[in-house]
Amino acid sequence: MTDQDLIQALRLTITELSTKLADELTTKQLLAIQLAESQEANQALSAQIAELEALLEGATQPQTGGKTDD
């Protein structure tokens, strides 16, 4: 192999690695966005669960009125 062949091979390798790095960074950014969206949805669902549990607890507790048996 001549020096020119080595230089060309190294340039191709650098180009391939640069492209792969750009793809990986893009994928990482997309996954970070998806994770943030999932966490937001999870928080909203957790809030809804807490609200529904509070409503259920209030609906299933026995009523205590002001009426007493003397």
N, C-alpha and C. Protein backbone atom coordinates (compact mmCIF):
# COMPACT_ATOMS: atom_id res chain seq x y z
N MET A 1 0.84 -1.19 0.00
CA MET A 1 0.00 0.00 0.00
C MET A 1 0.88 1.24 0.00
N THR A 2 0.46 2.18 -0.78
CA THR A 2 1.21 3.43 -0.83
C THR A 2 0.68 4.37 0.24
N ASP A 3 1.39 5.43 0.41
CA ASP A 3 0.96 6.44 1.37
C ASP A 3 -0.40 7.01 0.99
N GLN A 4 -0.62 7.18 -0.29
CA GLN A 4 -1.91 7.72 -0.76
C GLN A 4 -3.05 6.76 -0.42
N ASP A 5 -2.79 5.47 -0.58
CA ASP A 5 -3.81 4.47 -0.24
C ASP A 5 -4.13 4.50 1.25
N LEU A 6 -3.10 4.62 2.06
CA LEU A 6 -3.31 4.69 3.51
C LEU A 6 -4.09 5.94 3.90
N ILE A 7 -3.73 7.05 3.29
CA ILE A 7 -4.43 8.31 3.57
C ILE A 7 -5.89 8.20 3.17
N GLN A 8 -6.15 7.61 2.01
CA GLN A 8 -7.53 7.46 1.56
C GLN A 8 -8.30 6.53 2.49
N ALA A 9 -7.68 5.45 2.91
CA ALA A 9 -8.35 4.51 3.82
C ALA A 9 -8.66 5.19 5.16
N LEU A 10 -7.70 5.97 5.65
CA LEU A 10 -7.92 6.68 6.92
C LEU A 10 -9.02 7.72 6.77
N ARG A 11 -9.08 8.39 5.66
CA ARG A 11 -10.15 9.38 5.43
C ARG A 11 -11.52 8.71 5.42
N LEU A 12 -11.60 7.55 4.75
CA LEU A 12 -12.86 6.81 4.73
C LEU A 12 -13.25 6.36 6.13
N THR A 13 -12.29 5.91 6.90
CA THR A 13 -12.56 5.48 8.27
C THR A 13 -13.03 6.66 9.11
N ILE A 14 -12.37 7.79 8.98
CA ILE A 14 -12.77 8.99 9.72
C ILE A 14 -14.17 9.41 9.33
N THR A 15 -14.48 9.37 8.04
CA THR A 15 -15.82 9.74 7.56
C THR A 15 -16.87 8.80 8.13
N GLU A 16 -16.59 7.51 8.09
CA GLU A 16 -17.53 6.52 8.62
C GLU A 16 -17.75 6.71 10.11
N LEU A 17 -16.67 6.93 10.85
CA LEU A 17 -16.78 7.13 12.29
C LEU A 17 -17.52 8.43 12.62
N SER A 18 -17.28 9.46 11.84
CA SER A 18 -17.97 10.73 12.05
C SER A 18 -19.47 10.58 11.80
N THR A 19 -19.81 9.86 10.75
CA THR A 19 -21.22 9.62 10.45
C THR A 19 -21.87 8.79 11.55
N LYS A 20 -21.19 7.77 12.00
CA LYS A 20 -21.72 6.92 13.06
C LYS A 20 -21.90 7.73 14.34
N LEU A 21 -20.95 8.58 14.67
CA LEU A 21 -21.06 9.42 15.86
C LEU A 21 -22.25 10.36 15.75
N ALA A 22 -22.44 10.97 14.61
CA ALA A 22 -23.58 11.87 14.41
C ALA A 22 -24.89 11.11 14.57
N ASP A 23 -24.96 9.91 14.01
CA ASP A 23 -26.16 9.09 14.15
C ASP A 23 -26.42 8.73 15.61
N GLU A 24 -25.37 8.35 16.31
CA GLU A 24 -25.51 7.98 17.72
C GLU A 24 -25.95 9.16 18.57
N LEU A 25 -25.41 10.34 18.29
CA LEU A 25 -25.81 11.53 19.03
C LEU A 25 -27.27 11.88 18.77
N THR A 26 -27.69 11.74 17.54
CA THR A 26 -29.09 12.00 17.20
C THR A 26 -30.00 11.01 17.92
N THR A 27 -29.62 9.75 17.92
CA THR A 27 -30.40 8.73 18.61
C THR A 27 -30.48 9.03 20.10
N LYS A 28 -29.36 9.42 20.68
CA LYS A 28 -29.33 9.74 22.11
C LYS A 28 -30.26 10.90 22.42
N GLN A 29 -30.25 11.92 21.58
CA GLN A 29 -31.12 13.07 21.80
C GLN A 29 -32.59 12.68 21.67
N LEU A 30 -32.92 11.86 20.70
CA LEU A 30 -34.30 11.41 20.54
C LEU A 30 -34.75 10.57 21.73
N LEU A 31 -33.88 9.71 22.22
CA LEU A 31 -34.21 8.90 23.39
C LEU A 31 -34.39 9.77 24.63
N ALA A 32 -33.58 10.82 24.76
CA ALA A 32 -33.73 11.74 25.90
C ALA A 32 -35.08 12.45 25.84
N ILE A 33 -35.50 12.82 24.64
CA ILE A 33 -36.81 13.47 24.48
C ILE A 33 -37.92 12.49 24.84
N GLN A 34 -37.82 11.27 24.34
CA GLN A 34 -38.83 10.26 24.64
C GLN A 34 -38.89 9.97 26.14
N LEU A 35 -37.73 9.93 26.78
CA LEU A 35 -37.69 9.69 28.22
C LEU A 35 -38.38 10.82 28.98
N ALA A 36 -38.09 12.05 28.60
CA ALA A 36 -38.71 13.19 29.27
C ALA A 36 -40.23 13.17 29.08
N GLU A 37 -40.68 12.86 27.87
CA GLU A 37 -42.13 12.78 27.62
C GLU A 37 -42.76 11.66 28.43
N SER A 38 -42.09 10.53 28.53
CA SER A 38 -42.60 9.41 29.31
C SER A 38 -42.68 9.76 30.79
N GLN A 39 -41.68 10.46 31.29
CA GLN A 39 -41.69 10.87 32.70
C GLN A 39 -42.83 11.84 32.98
N GLU A 40 -43.07 12.76 32.05
CA GLU A 40 -44.18 13.70 32.21
C GLU A 40 -45.51 12.95 32.22
N ALA A 41 -45.67 12.01 31.31
CA ALA A 41 -46.90 11.22 31.27
C ALA A 41 -47.06 10.41 32.54
N ASN A 42 -45.97 9.86 33.04
CA ASN A 42 -46.00 9.07 34.26
C ASN A 42 -46.43 9.94 35.44
N GLN A 43 -45.91 11.16 35.52
CA GLN A 43 -46.29 12.07 36.60
C GLN A 43 -47.77 12.42 36.52
N ALA A 44 -48.27 12.65 35.32
CA ALA A 44 -49.68 12.97 35.14
C ALA A 44 -50.55 11.79 35.56
N LEU A 45 -50.16 10.59 35.18
CA LEU A 45 -50.92 9.40 35.56
C LEU A 45 -50.86 9.17 37.07
N SER A 46 -49.72 9.42 37.67
CA SER A 46 -49.60 9.27 39.13
C SER A 46 -50.52 10.25 39.85
N ALA A 47 -50.62 11.47 39.33
CA ALA A 47 -51.51 12.46 39.92
C ALA A 47 -52.97 12.01 39.77
N GLN A 48 -53.31 11.46 38.62
CA GLN A 48 -54.68 10.97 38.41
C GLN A 48 -54.99 9.81 39.35
N ILE A 49 -54.03 8.92 39.52
CA ILE A 49 -54.21 7.78 40.44
C ILE A 49 -54.45 8.29 41.85
N ALA A 50 -53.64 9.23 42.29
CA ALA A 50 -53.79 9.78 43.64
C ALA A 50 -55.17 10.42 43.80
N GLU A 51 -55.62 11.15 42.79
CA GLU A 51 -56.93 11.79 42.84
C GLU A 51 -58.04 10.74 42.91
N LEU A 52 -57.94 9.71 42.08
CA LEU A 52 -58.96 8.67 42.08
C LEU A 52 -58.97 7.88 43.39
N GLU A 53 -57.79 7.62 43.94
CA GLU A 53 -57.73 6.93 45.22
C GLU A 53 -58.37 7.76 46.33
N ALA A 54 -58.14 9.07 46.30
CA ALA A 54 -58.75 9.95 47.30
C ALA A 54 -60.26 9.96 47.15
N LEU A 55 -60.74 10.01 45.92
CA LEU A 55 -62.19 9.97 45.68
C LEU A 55 -62.78 8.64 46.13
N LEU A 56 -62.10 7.55 45.84
CA LEU A 56 -62.57 6.24 46.24
C LEU A 56 -62.61 6.10 47.76
N GLU A 57 -61.57 6.58 48.40
CA GLU A 57 -61.52 6.51 49.86
C GLU A 57 -62.66 7.33 50.48
N GLY A 58 -62.91 8.50 49.93
CA GLY A 58 -64.00 9.32 50.43
C GLY A 58 -65.35 8.69 50.20
N ALA A 59 -65.51 7.98 49.10
CA ALA A 59 -66.79 7.37 48.78
C ALA A 59 -67.04 6.09 49.57
N THR A 60 -65.98 5.44 50.03
CA THR A 60 -66.16 4.16 50.73
C THR A 60 -66.11 4.29 52.24
N GLN A 61 -65.79 5.45 52.76
CA GLN A 61 -65.79 5.62 54.21
C GLN A 61 -67.22 5.75 54.71
N PRO A 62 -67.51 5.16 55.88
CA PRO A 62 -68.87 5.27 56.39
C PRO A 62 -69.19 6.71 56.75
N GLN A 63 -70.43 7.06 56.52
CA GLN A 63 -70.89 8.42 56.83
C GLN A 63 -71.09 8.52 58.34
N THR A 64 -70.56 9.55 58.94
CA THR A 64 -70.79 9.84 60.36
C THR A 64 -71.57 11.13 60.43
N GLY A 65 -72.80 11.02 60.81
CA GLY A 65 -73.66 12.20 60.86
C GLY A 65 -73.78 12.74 62.27
N GLY A 66 -74.55 13.78 62.42
CA GLY A 66 -74.74 14.38 63.72
C GLY A 66 -75.79 13.67 64.55
N LYS A 67 -76.39 12.64 64.01
CA LYS A 67 -77.46 11.92 64.70
C LYS A 67 -76.83 10.89 65.64
N THR A 68 -77.23 10.92 66.90
CA THR A 68 -76.70 9.96 67.89
C THR A 68 -77.86 9.24 68.53
N ASP A 69 -77.60 8.03 68.96
CA ASP A 69 -78.62 7.25 69.68
C ASP A 69 -78.39 7.44 71.16
N ASP A 70 -79.36 8.07 71.87
CA ASP A 70 -79.24 8.27 73.33
C ASP A 70 -80.08 7.32 74.06
